[in-house]
Amino acid sequence: MDRLLREAGPYTCHPGGSASNVLRAAARFGATTRLVGARGHDANGELYAKSLRDAGICTEHLLVKVRDASGAELSTAACCVISHNNERSMRTMFADTARLEVSELREDLFKSCKYLFVSSYACYFEGMLAKLVDVGTGVGCRIFLDLGSFEIVNAYSDQIDLIFGKVDICVCNEDEAAAFSRLHAGVQDPDGAYDEAARWMLGHGVKVAVVVTLGERGCILYERNGDQDAFVKTLHAAVDPEVFFDSTGAGDAFCGGMLFALSKGRDLNAAVRVANVAGAAAVKSLGADLDDESLKWFRRKIGAIA
């Protein structure tokens, strides 16, 4: 990856990762968070850990791994993000990287947590998604699932489908919802796809709500309404960021904002309004981490809608 980046030209390095982006946003907004994971003993790992600590995230359970069982040196996983005209391509390098093993997940890591954020990127590691959900529900966590990517949906829907009965809230973007609907209901029309994705998820066990994010058009909240797959559908308009810089991490900030609001006792509709502000704040700065000015803007906007 280093060689490819050098050949591509100038680039910048920022801490990231789906789950840590969400937690970093939630923590900077004011939620109490902890991260369970692993990193290498290298410069990228130090940058990553510092960014978590600076955001106020508990890193007590972030393992530092130097070598694997064969003695090979481990690095911190990295992702190459190419952004152009609000379109992004992302490719992650997992070869010879430090990672948390399924066997290292224990209930004591999640005790006292109200919510456990789970990304479907966990599907890359066999058994990880199911074990995370089982351990979290075992200690009373509410499960907040992010579908992560339409590529994940297409490749790992068999794993994801099995956990919906234990998921409280599922968030997906329009591409993920469309991919989900094509696989599960054969729906091709985007607008119908969102409803069908929510209906399938709620009908197969999602306990509270499904949220489909629509970028600059806002998001749709589908709240469970009784048994089976009935729902109340509410469209929440997007918040104008005033200045657009980079959309990387906007979806993660949305999830972080929603978790922050839920942790403070906000109801679903209020939490989604906060999440829309969080997503707008994220596009005002470079990379997945909100800079100080974006964070101040978020707080002003939240004060206006409180």
Protein backbone atom coordinates (compact mmCIF):
# COMPACT_ATOMS: atom_id res chain seq x y z
CA MET A 1 0.00 0.00 0.00
CA ASP A 2 2.87 2.40 0.80
CA ARG A 3 4.21 1.93 -2.73
CA LEU A 4 0.82 2.58 -4.33
CA LEU A 5 0.33 5.73 -2.29
CA ARG A 6 3.76 7.05 -3.24
CA GLU A 7 3.01 6.44 -6.90
CA ALA A 8 -0.39 8.15 -6.62
CA GLY A 9 1.13 11.42 -5.43
CA PRO A 10 0.57 13.60 -2.34
CA TYR A 11 -1.63 12.13 0.38
CA THR A 12 -2.42 12.63 4.04
CA CYS A 13 -2.71 10.08 6.82
CA HIS A 14 -5.59 10.20 9.31
CA PRO A 15 -6.81 7.80 12.01
CA GLY A 16 -9.94 5.95 10.96
CA GLY A 17 -11.82 2.67 11.01
CA SER A 18 -15.61 2.31 11.02
CA ALA A 19 -16.17 1.49 14.69
CA SER A 20 -13.52 3.88 15.99
CA ASN A 21 -14.85 6.71 13.80
CA VAL A 22 -18.29 6.23 15.33
CA LEU A 23 -16.92 6.11 18.87
CA ARG A 24 -14.64 9.09 18.28
CA ALA A 25 -17.59 11.17 17.13
CA ALA A 26 -19.83 10.01 19.99
CA ALA A 27 -17.12 10.72 22.54
CA ARG A 28 -16.36 14.20 21.19
CA PHE A 29 -20.07 14.98 21.32
CA GLY A 30 -20.15 13.96 24.99
CA ALA A 31 -20.89 10.24 25.29
CA THR A 32 -18.87 7.87 27.48
CA THR A 33 -17.25 5.29 25.21
CA ARG A 34 -14.77 2.44 25.16
CA LEU A 35 -13.13 0.62 22.26
CA VAL A 36 -12.37 -3.10 22.15
CA GLY A 37 -9.83 -3.98 19.49
CA ALA A 38 -6.18 -4.45 18.56
CA ARG A 39 -3.38 -2.50 16.88
CA GLY A 40 0.21 -3.01 15.91
CA HIS A 41 3.26 -1.61 17.68
CA ASP A 42 4.05 0.91 14.94
CA ALA A 43 3.68 4.59 14.00
CA ASN A 44 0.18 4.12 12.58
CA GLY A 45 -0.85 2.31 15.74
CA GLU A 46 0.45 5.13 17.91
CA LEU A 47 -1.40 7.70 15.77
CA TYR A 48 -4.56 5.63 16.04
CA ALA A 49 -4.36 5.17 19.82
CA LYS A 50 -3.56 8.84 20.43
CA SER A 51 -6.58 9.93 18.38
CA LEU A 52 -8.81 7.73 20.52
CA ARG A 53 -7.38 9.02 23.78
CA ASP A 54 -7.57 12.63 22.60
CA ALA A 55 -11.27 12.12 21.87
CA GLY A 56 -11.84 10.80 25.39
CA ILE A 57 -12.36 7.14 24.47
CA CYS A 58 -11.33 4.49 26.99
CA THR A 59 -8.52 2.45 25.35
CA GLU A 60 -7.92 0.06 28.23
CA HIS A 61 -9.06 -2.83 26.03
CA LEU A 62 -7.14 -1.82 22.89
CA LEU A 63 -4.55 -4.59 22.65
CA VAL A 64 -1.07 -3.94 21.25
CA LYS A 65 0.17 -6.93 19.27
CA VAL A 66 3.78 -7.16 18.05
CA ARG A 67 4.04 -10.59 16.42
CA ASP A 68 1.73 -13.41 15.38
CA ALA A 69 2.01 -17.04 16.47
CA SER A 70 4.61 -17.74 13.77
CA GLY A 71 6.79 -14.83 14.88
CA ALA A 72 5.94 -12.56 11.93
CA GLU A 73 5.86 -8.85 12.77
CA LEU A 74 2.39 -7.30 12.81
CA SER A 75 1.36 -3.83 11.66
CA THR A 76 -1.73 -1.70 12.19
CA ALA A 77 -4.41 -2.20 9.54
CA ALA A 78 -4.64 0.62 6.99
CA CYS A 79 -7.24 1.74 4.47
CA CYS A 80 -6.64 3.68 1.26
CA VAL A 81 -9.42 6.21 0.56
CA ILE A 82 -9.55 7.99 -2.79
CA SER A 83 -12.07 10.83 -2.78
CA HIS A 84 -13.08 12.78 -5.89
CA ASN A 85 -16.20 14.88 -6.52
CA ASN A 86 -17.93 13.42 -3.45
CA GLU A 87 -17.28 9.87 -4.69
CA ARG A 88 -15.01 7.57 -2.65
CA SER A 89 -13.18 4.33 -3.27
CA MET A 90 -11.91 2.49 -0.19
CA ARG A 91 -9.65 -0.54 0.05
CA THR A 92 -8.38 -1.96 3.34
CA MET A 93 -5.14 -3.89 3.88
CA PHE A 94 -5.43 -6.70 6.43
CA ALA A 95 -2.32 -8.73 5.50
CA ASP A 96 0.03 -9.21 8.48
CA THR A 97 -1.99 -6.81 10.64
CA ALA A 98 -2.88 -6.97 14.32
CA ARG A 99 -6.46 -8.02 14.92
CA LEU A 100 -8.74 -8.99 17.76
CA GLU A 101 -9.53 -12.70 17.78
CA VAL A 102 -13.01 -14.12 18.35
CA SER A 103 -11.60 -16.04 21.32
CA GLU A 104 -10.59 -12.74 22.96
CA LEU A 105 -14.19 -11.45 23.23
CA ARG A 106 -15.41 -11.67 26.83
CA GLU A 107 -18.53 -10.43 28.60
CA ASP A 108 -16.55 -8.31 31.08
CA LEU A 109 -15.37 -6.11 28.17
CA PHE A 110 -18.93 -4.89 27.60
CA LYS A 111 -20.46 -4.82 31.06
CA SER A 112 -22.18 -1.52 32.03
CA CYS A 113 -22.48 -0.46 28.37
CA LYS A 114 -25.93 0.74 27.26
CA TYR A 115 -25.20 0.25 23.58
CA LEU A 116 -22.80 -1.93 21.64
CA PHE A 117 -21.95 -0.53 18.22
CA VAL A 118 -21.34 -3.33 15.73
CA SER A 119 -20.20 -2.81 12.14
CA SER A 120 -20.82 -5.48 9.51
CA TYR A 121 -17.16 -5.07 8.57
CA ALA A 122 -16.72 -7.62 11.37
CA CYS A 123 -17.87 -10.18 8.78
CA TYR A 124 -14.35 -10.11 7.33
CA PHE A 125 -13.29 -12.22 10.33
CA GLU A 126 -15.07 -15.54 10.59
CA GLY A 127 -17.44 -15.79 13.56
CA MET A 128 -16.72 -12.25 14.81
CA LEU A 129 -20.11 -10.66 14.03
CA ALA A 130 -22.18 -13.38 15.68
CA LYS A 131 -19.90 -13.54 18.73
CA LEU A 132 -19.97 -9.76 19.24
CA VAL A 133 -23.77 -9.74 19.21
CA ASP A 134 -24.02 -12.79 21.49
CA VAL A 135 -21.59 -11.37 24.04
CA GLY A 136 -23.22 -7.94 23.97
CA THR A 137 -26.77 -9.20 24.41
CA GLY A 138 -25.52 -11.54 27.11
CA VAL A 139 -24.67 -8.57 29.33
CA GLY A 140 -27.74 -6.52 28.42
CA CYS A 141 -26.31 -4.21 25.73
CA ARG A 142 -28.64 -2.81 23.10
CA ILE A 143 -27.19 -3.71 19.72
CA PHE A 144 -26.70 -0.85 17.23
CA LEU A 145 -25.78 -2.35 13.84
CA ASP A 146 -24.32 -0.48 10.86
CA LEU A 147 -24.44 -2.45 7.60
CA GLY A 148 -21.15 -0.82 6.63
CA SER A 149 -20.99 -1.23 2.85
CA PHE A 150 -23.07 -2.52 -0.06
CA GLU A 151 -20.14 -4.83 -0.83
CA ILE A 152 -20.44 -6.30 2.67
CA VAL A 153 -24.19 -6.78 2.17
CA ASN A 154 -23.63 -8.56 -1.13
CA ALA A 155 -20.85 -10.80 0.16
CA TYR A 156 -21.97 -11.59 3.70
CA SER A 157 -25.76 -11.32 3.87
CA ASP A 158 -25.94 -14.91 5.17
CA GLN A 159 -24.00 -13.88 8.30
CA ILE A 160 -25.85 -10.60 8.75
CA ASP A 161 -29.32 -12.13 8.36
CA LEU A 162 -28.71 -14.47 11.30
CA ILE A 163 -28.26 -11.69 13.86
CA PHE A 164 -31.28 -9.45 13.15
CA GLY A 165 -33.28 -11.07 15.94
CA LYS A 166 -30.82 -9.59 18.44
CA VAL A 167 -30.40 -6.15 16.84
CA ASP A 168 -32.19 -3.14 18.37
CA ILE A 169 -31.36 -0.48 15.75
CA CYS A 170 -29.95 -0.98 12.25
CA VAL A 171 -28.52 1.89 10.20
CA CYS A 172 -27.69 1.62 6.49
CA ASN A 173 -27.14 4.05 3.64
CA GLU A 174 -29.14 4.09 0.43
CA ASP A 175 -26.69 1.85 -1.46
CA GLU A 176 -26.73 -0.74 1.31
CA ALA A 177 -30.53 -0.64 1.56
CA ALA A 178 -30.83 -1.08 -2.22
CA ALA A 179 -28.41 -4.01 -2.22
CA PHE A 180 -30.26 -5.58 0.71
CA SER A 181 -33.63 -5.24 -1.04
CA ARG A 182 -32.34 -6.72 -4.29
CA LEU A 183 -31.04 -9.76 -2.43
CA HIS A 184 -34.04 -10.30 -0.16
CA ALA A 185 -37.05 -9.04 -2.14
CA GLY A 186 -35.90 -8.60 -5.72
CA VAL A 187 -36.76 -4.89 -5.56
CA GLN A 188 -34.93 -2.69 -8.08
CA ASP A 189 -36.61 0.72 -7.59
CA PRO A 190 -34.59 2.71 -5.00
CA ASP A 191 -37.55 4.34 -3.25
CA GLY A 192 -39.37 1.02 -2.87
CA ALA A 193 -36.11 -0.65 -1.88
CA TYR A 194 -35.79 1.41 1.29
CA ASP A 195 -39.24 0.41 2.53
CA GLU A 196 -38.68 -3.24 1.65
CA ALA A 197 -35.30 -3.35 3.37
CA ALA A 198 -36.81 -1.93 6.56
CA ARG A 199 -39.83 -4.23 6.33
CA TRP A 200 -37.62 -7.31 5.96
CA MET A 201 -35.34 -6.35 8.84
CA LEU A 202 -38.21 -5.54 11.20
CA GLY A 203 -40.03 -8.69 10.11
CA HIS A 204 -36.94 -10.75 10.90
CA GLY A 205 -36.35 -9.42 14.37
CA VAL A 206 -34.96 -5.88 14.50
CA LYS A 207 -36.51 -4.75 17.76
CA VAL A 208 -36.79 -0.97 17.61
CA ALA A 209 -35.97 0.79 14.33
CA VAL A 210 -34.24 0.88 10.98
CA VAL A 211 -32.66 4.10 9.65
CA VAL A 212 -31.78 4.62 5.98
CA THR A 213 -29.43 7.56 5.42
CA LEU A 214 -29.79 9.47 2.13
CA GLY A 215 -26.81 11.86 2.16
CA GLU A 216 -27.82 15.41 1.28
CA ARG A 217 -31.51 14.35 1.28
CA GLY A 218 -31.49 13.46 4.97
CA CYS A 219 -32.67 10.09 6.24
CA ILE A 220 -35.73 7.91 6.82
CA LEU A 221 -36.61 6.55 10.24
CA TYR A 222 -38.66 3.34 10.32
CA GLU A 223 -39.94 2.72 13.85
CA ARG A 224 -41.44 -0.65 14.73
CA ASN A 225 -45.20 -0.37 15.14
CA GLY A 226 -46.48 -3.45 16.93
CA ASP A 227 -45.61 -6.97 15.82
CA GLN A 228 -44.30 -8.40 12.55
CA ASP A 229 -43.05 -5.90 9.96
CA ALA A 230 -45.33 -2.87 10.51
CA PHE A 231 -43.59 0.48 10.90
CA VAL A 232 -44.07 4.23 11.23
CA LYS A 233 -42.06 6.00 8.54
CA THR A 234 -40.66 9.50 9.13
CA LEU A 235 -38.50 11.49 6.71
CA HIS A 236 -35.96 13.75 8.40
CA ALA A 237 -34.51 16.49 6.20
CA ALA A 238 -30.76 16.96 6.01
CA VAL A 239 -29.00 19.83 7.75
CA ASP A 240 -27.14 22.31 5.55
CA PRO A 241 -23.41 22.13 6.46
CA GLU A 242 -22.91 25.62 4.95
CA VAL A 243 -19.42 24.60 3.82
CA PHE A 244 -18.65 21.24 2.21
CA PHE A 245 -15.11 19.89 2.40
CA ASP A 246 -14.96 16.08 2.56
CA SER A 247 -17.69 13.45 3.00
CA THR A 248 -15.35 10.79 4.44
CA GLY A 249 -16.76 9.58 7.75
CA ALA A 250 -20.09 11.40 7.48
CA GLY A 251 -22.03 8.17 7.94
CA ASP A 252 -19.91 7.23 10.94
CA ALA A 253 -20.49 10.68 12.48
CA PHE A 254 -24.23 10.18 11.90
CA CYS A 255 -24.11 6.93 13.90
CA GLY A 256 -21.96 8.59 16.57
CA GLY A 257 -24.41 11.47 16.89
CA MET A 258 -27.35 9.11 17.17
CA LEU A 259 -25.64 7.00 19.83
CA PHE A 260 -24.68 10.13 21.76
CA ALA A 261 -28.29 11.34 21.75
CA LEU A 262 -29.70 7.94 22.70
CA SER A 263 -27.19 7.63 25.56
CA LYS A 264 -28.48 10.96 26.89
CA GLY A 265 -32.09 9.72 26.89
CA ARG A 266 -33.32 11.35 23.66
CA ASP A 267 -36.16 9.58 21.84
CA LEU A 268 -35.62 8.15 18.36
CA ASN A 269 -36.80 11.14 16.36
CA ALA A 270 -34.73 13.55 18.45
CA ALA A 271 -31.72 11.23 18.14
CA VAL A 272 -32.06 11.19 14.35
CA ARG A 273 -32.20 14.99 14.24
CA VAL A 274 -28.97 15.12 16.24
CA ALA A 275 -27.47 12.49 13.92
CA ASN A 276 -28.27 14.62 10.86
CA VAL A 277 -26.43 17.56 12.44
CA ALA A 278 -23.49 15.26 13.20
CA GLY A 279 -23.32 14.05 9.60
CA ALA A 280 -23.37 17.63 8.34
CA ALA A 281 -20.60 18.60 10.76
CA ALA A 282 -18.42 15.76 9.47
CA VAL A 283 -18.30 17.06 5.89
CA LYS A 284 -16.89 20.38 7.10
CA SER A 285 -13.45 18.87 7.88
CA LEU A 286 -10.89 16.61 6.20
CA GLY A 287 -10.95 12.93 7.11
CA ALA A 288 -13.23 11.05 9.45
CA ASP A 289 -12.40 13.05 12.59
CA LEU A 290 -14.22 16.33 13.26
CA ASP A 291 -11.92 19.30 13.74
CA ASP A 292 -12.55 21.79 16.54
CA GLU A 293 -14.45 24.26 14.36
CA SER A 294 -16.78 21.53 13.10
CA LEU A 295 -17.38 20.40 16.66
CA LYS A 296 -18.25 23.95 17.73
CA TRP A 297 -20.65 24.20 14.78
CA PHE A 298 -22.29 20.93 15.84
CA ARG A 299 -22.84 22.22 19.37
CA ARG A 300 -24.35 25.49 18.14
CA LYS A 301 -26.73 23.61 15.87
CA ILE A 302 -27.70 21.16 18.61
CA GLY A 303 -28.48 24.07 20.89
CA ALA A 304 -30.77 25.48 18.24
CA ILE A 305 -32.79 22.26 17.86
CA ALA A 306 -32.83 21.24 21.55
